[in-house]
Amino acid sequence: MHTLKVLLIGFAVLVVFLVAGRLAASSRGMAIASLIFIPIWFVAAGVNLYIGVNEAGYSFNEELPVFLLSFLVPTLFAITIYWKVR
């Protein structure tokens, strides 16, 4: 359930970035915003990994697939949007 929440947060953050990019500079802004989203989301997913290991008591090996899923799924959407609107 927590992973689903993290994924939904990732998509919500991506939408915020895309709307801000659209308001700033139309479709070119959306392309730039989708690229800016990726490193910021990497850090956010890394924080989730850190909390899972240090606070929730999971091992790194248990949390790594969750990190990969929660980082890669929104990132793949961001990359797809970049290629569509650039």
C-alpha atoms as a PDB file:
ATOM      1  CA  MET A   1       0.000   0.000   0.000  1.00  0.00           C
ATOM      2  CA  HIS A   2       2.820   2.390   0.827  1.00  0.00           C
ATOM      3  CA  THR A   3       4.419   1.814  -2.573  1.00  0.00           C
ATOM      4  CA  LEU A   4       1.163   2.739  -4.292  1.00  0.00           C
ATOM      5  CA  LYS A   5       1.028   5.963  -2.279  1.00  0.00           C
ATOM      6  CA  VAL A   6       4.602   6.802  -3.264  1.00  0.00           C
ATOM      7  CA  LEU A   7       3.801   6.149  -6.934  1.00  0.00           C
ATOM      8  CA  LEU A   8       0.733   8.382  -6.745  1.00  0.00           C
ATOM      9  CA  ILE A   9       2.790  11.111  -5.105  1.00  0.00           C
ATOM     10  CA  GLY A  10       5.345  10.760  -7.893  1.00  0.00           C
ATOM     11  CA  PHE A  11       2.676  11.205 -10.550  1.00  0.00           C
ATOM     12  CA  ALA A  12       1.187  14.156  -8.654  1.00  0.00           C
ATOM     13  CA  VAL A  13       4.596  15.837  -8.454  1.00  0.00           C
ATOM     14  CA  LEU A  14       5.116  15.197 -12.172  1.00  0.00           C
ATOM     15  CA  VAL A  15       1.758  16.815 -12.952  1.00  0.00           C
ATOM     16  CA  VAL A  16       2.696  19.856 -10.860  1.00  0.00           C
ATOM     17  CA  PHE A  17       5.972  20.156 -12.765  1.00  0.00           C
ATOM     18  CA  LEU A  18       4.220  19.808 -16.120  1.00  0.00           C
ATOM     19  CA  VAL A  19       1.573  22.394 -15.288  1.00  0.00           C
ATOM     20  CA  ALA A  20       4.250  24.806 -14.084  1.00  0.00           C
ATOM     21  CA  GLY A  21       6.261  24.199 -17.250  1.00  0.00           C
ATOM     22  CA  ARG A  22       3.193  24.702 -19.408  1.00  0.00           C
ATOM     23  CA  LEU A  23       2.368  27.977 -17.677  1.00  0.00           C
ATOM     24  CA  ALA A  24       5.965  29.169 -17.946  1.00  0.00           C
ATOM     25  CA  ALA A  25       6.749  28.355 -21.557  1.00  0.00           C
ATOM     26  CA  SER A  26       4.126  26.181 -23.287  1.00  0.00           C
ATOM     27  CA  SER A  27       5.170  22.753 -24.583  1.00  0.00           C
ATOM     28  CA  ARG A  28       8.909  23.528 -24.472  1.00  0.00           C
ATOM     29  CA  GLY A  29       8.474  24.333 -20.790  1.00  0.00           C
ATOM     30  CA  MET A  30       6.741  21.011 -20.252  1.00  0.00           C
ATOM     31  CA  ALA A  31       9.684  19.202 -21.843  1.00  0.00           C
ATOM     32  CA  ILE A  32      12.164  21.016 -19.621  1.00  0.00           C
ATOM     33  CA  ALA A  33       9.983  20.469 -16.542  1.00  0.00           C
ATOM     34  CA  SER A  34       9.804  16.738 -17.212  1.00  0.00           C
ATOM     35  CA  LEU A  35      13.618  16.599 -17.297  1.00  0.00           C
ATOM     36  CA  ILE A  36      13.922  18.672 -14.121  1.00  0.00           C
ATOM     37  CA  PHE A  37      11.492  16.295 -12.406  1.00  0.00           C
ATOM     38  CA  ILE A  38      13.770  13.263 -12.832  1.00  0.00           C
ATOM     39  CA  PRO A  39      16.666  14.169 -10.480  1.00  0.00           C
ATOM     40  CA  ILE A  40      14.281  15.658  -7.939  1.00  0.00           C
ATOM     41  CA  TRP A  41      12.206  12.476  -7.953  1.00  0.00           C
ATOM     42  CA  PHE A  42      15.385  10.396  -7.663  1.00  0.00           C
ATOM     43  CA  VAL A  43      16.209  12.209  -4.425  1.00  0.00           C
ATOM     44  CA  ALA A  44      12.635  11.815  -3.144  1.00  0.00           C
ATOM     45  CA  ALA A  45      12.621   8.078  -3.928  1.00  0.00           C
ATOM     46  CA  GLY A  46      16.036   7.828  -2.259  1.00  0.00           C
ATOM     47  CA  VAL A  47      14.636   9.456   0.874  1.00  0.00           C
ATOM     48  CA  ASN A  48      11.841   6.876   0.825  1.00  0.00           C
ATOM     49  CA  LEU A  49      14.487   4.134   0.545  1.00  0.00           C
ATOM     50  CA  TYR A  50      16.436   5.625   3.438  1.00  0.00           C
ATOM     51  CA  ILE A  51      13.334   5.815   5.634  1.00  0.00           C
ATOM     52  CA  GLY A  52      12.389   2.257   4.763  1.00  0.00           C
ATOM     53  CA  VAL A  53      15.815   0.978   5.770  1.00  0.00           C
ATOM     54  CA  ASN A  54      16.487   3.126   8.827  1.00  0.00           C
ATOM     55  CA  GLU A  55      13.038   3.805  10.247  1.00  0.00           C
ATOM     56  CA  ALA A  56      10.861   0.895   9.128  1.00  0.00           C
ATOM     57  CA  GLY A  57      13.531  -1.735   9.638  1.00  0.00           C
ATOM     58  CA  TYR A  58      13.635  -3.233   6.153  1.00  0.00           C
ATOM     59  CA  SER A  59      16.956  -4.372   4.733  1.00  0.00           C
ATOM     60  CA  PHE A  60      18.479  -2.553   1.777  1.00  0.00           C
ATOM     61  CA  ASN A  61      17.865  -5.615  -0.386  1.00  0.00           C
ATOM     62  CA  GLU A  62      14.183  -5.590   0.546  1.00  0.00           C
ATOM     63  CA  GLU A  63      13.805  -1.882  -0.183  1.00  0.00           C
ATOM     64  CA  LEU A  64      15.789  -1.757  -3.434  1.00  0.00           C
ATOM     65  CA  PRO A  65      13.000  -3.183  -5.649  1.00  0.00           C
ATOM     66  CA  VAL A  66      10.543  -0.743  -4.079  1.00  0.00           C
ATOM     67  CA  PHE A  67      12.956   2.116  -4.791  1.00  0.00           C
ATOM     68  CA  LEU A  68      13.403   1.013  -8.392  1.00  0.00           C
ATOM     69  CA  LEU A  69       9.663   0.709  -8.935  1.00  0.00           C
ATOM     70  CA  SER A  70       8.815   4.000  -7.255  1.00  0.00           C
ATOM     71  CA  PHE A  71      11.566   5.841  -9.140  1.00  0.00           C
ATOM     72  CA  LEU A  72      11.353   4.251 -12.567  1.00  0.00           C
ATOM     73  CA  VAL A  73       7.601   4.262 -13.208  1.00  0.00           C
ATOM     74  CA  PRO A  74       7.087   8.056 -12.882  1.00  0.00           C
ATOM     75  CA  THR A  75      10.450   8.631 -14.563  1.00  0.00           C
ATOM     76  CA  LEU A  76       9.430   6.582 -17.597  1.00  0.00           C
ATOM     77  CA  PHE A  77       6.295   8.697 -17.895  1.00  0.00           C
ATOM     78  CA  ALA A  78       8.396  11.868 -17.615  1.00  0.00           C
ATOM     79  CA  ILE A  79      10.741  10.655 -20.357  1.00  0.00           C
ATOM     80  CA  THR A  80       7.790   9.708 -22.563  1.00  0.00           C
ATOM     81  CA  ILE A  81       6.274  13.148 -22.104  1.00  0.00           C
ATOM     82  CA  TYR A  82       9.630  14.739 -22.905  1.00  0.00           C
ATOM     83  CA  TRP A  83       9.858  12.829 -26.197  1.00  0.00           C
ATOM     84  CA  LYS A  84       6.250  13.672 -27.107  1.00  0.00           C
ATOM     85  CA  VAL A  85       6.409  17.428 -26.481  1.00  0.00           C
ATOM     86  CA  ARG A  86       9.996  18.390 -27.244  1.00  0.00           C
END
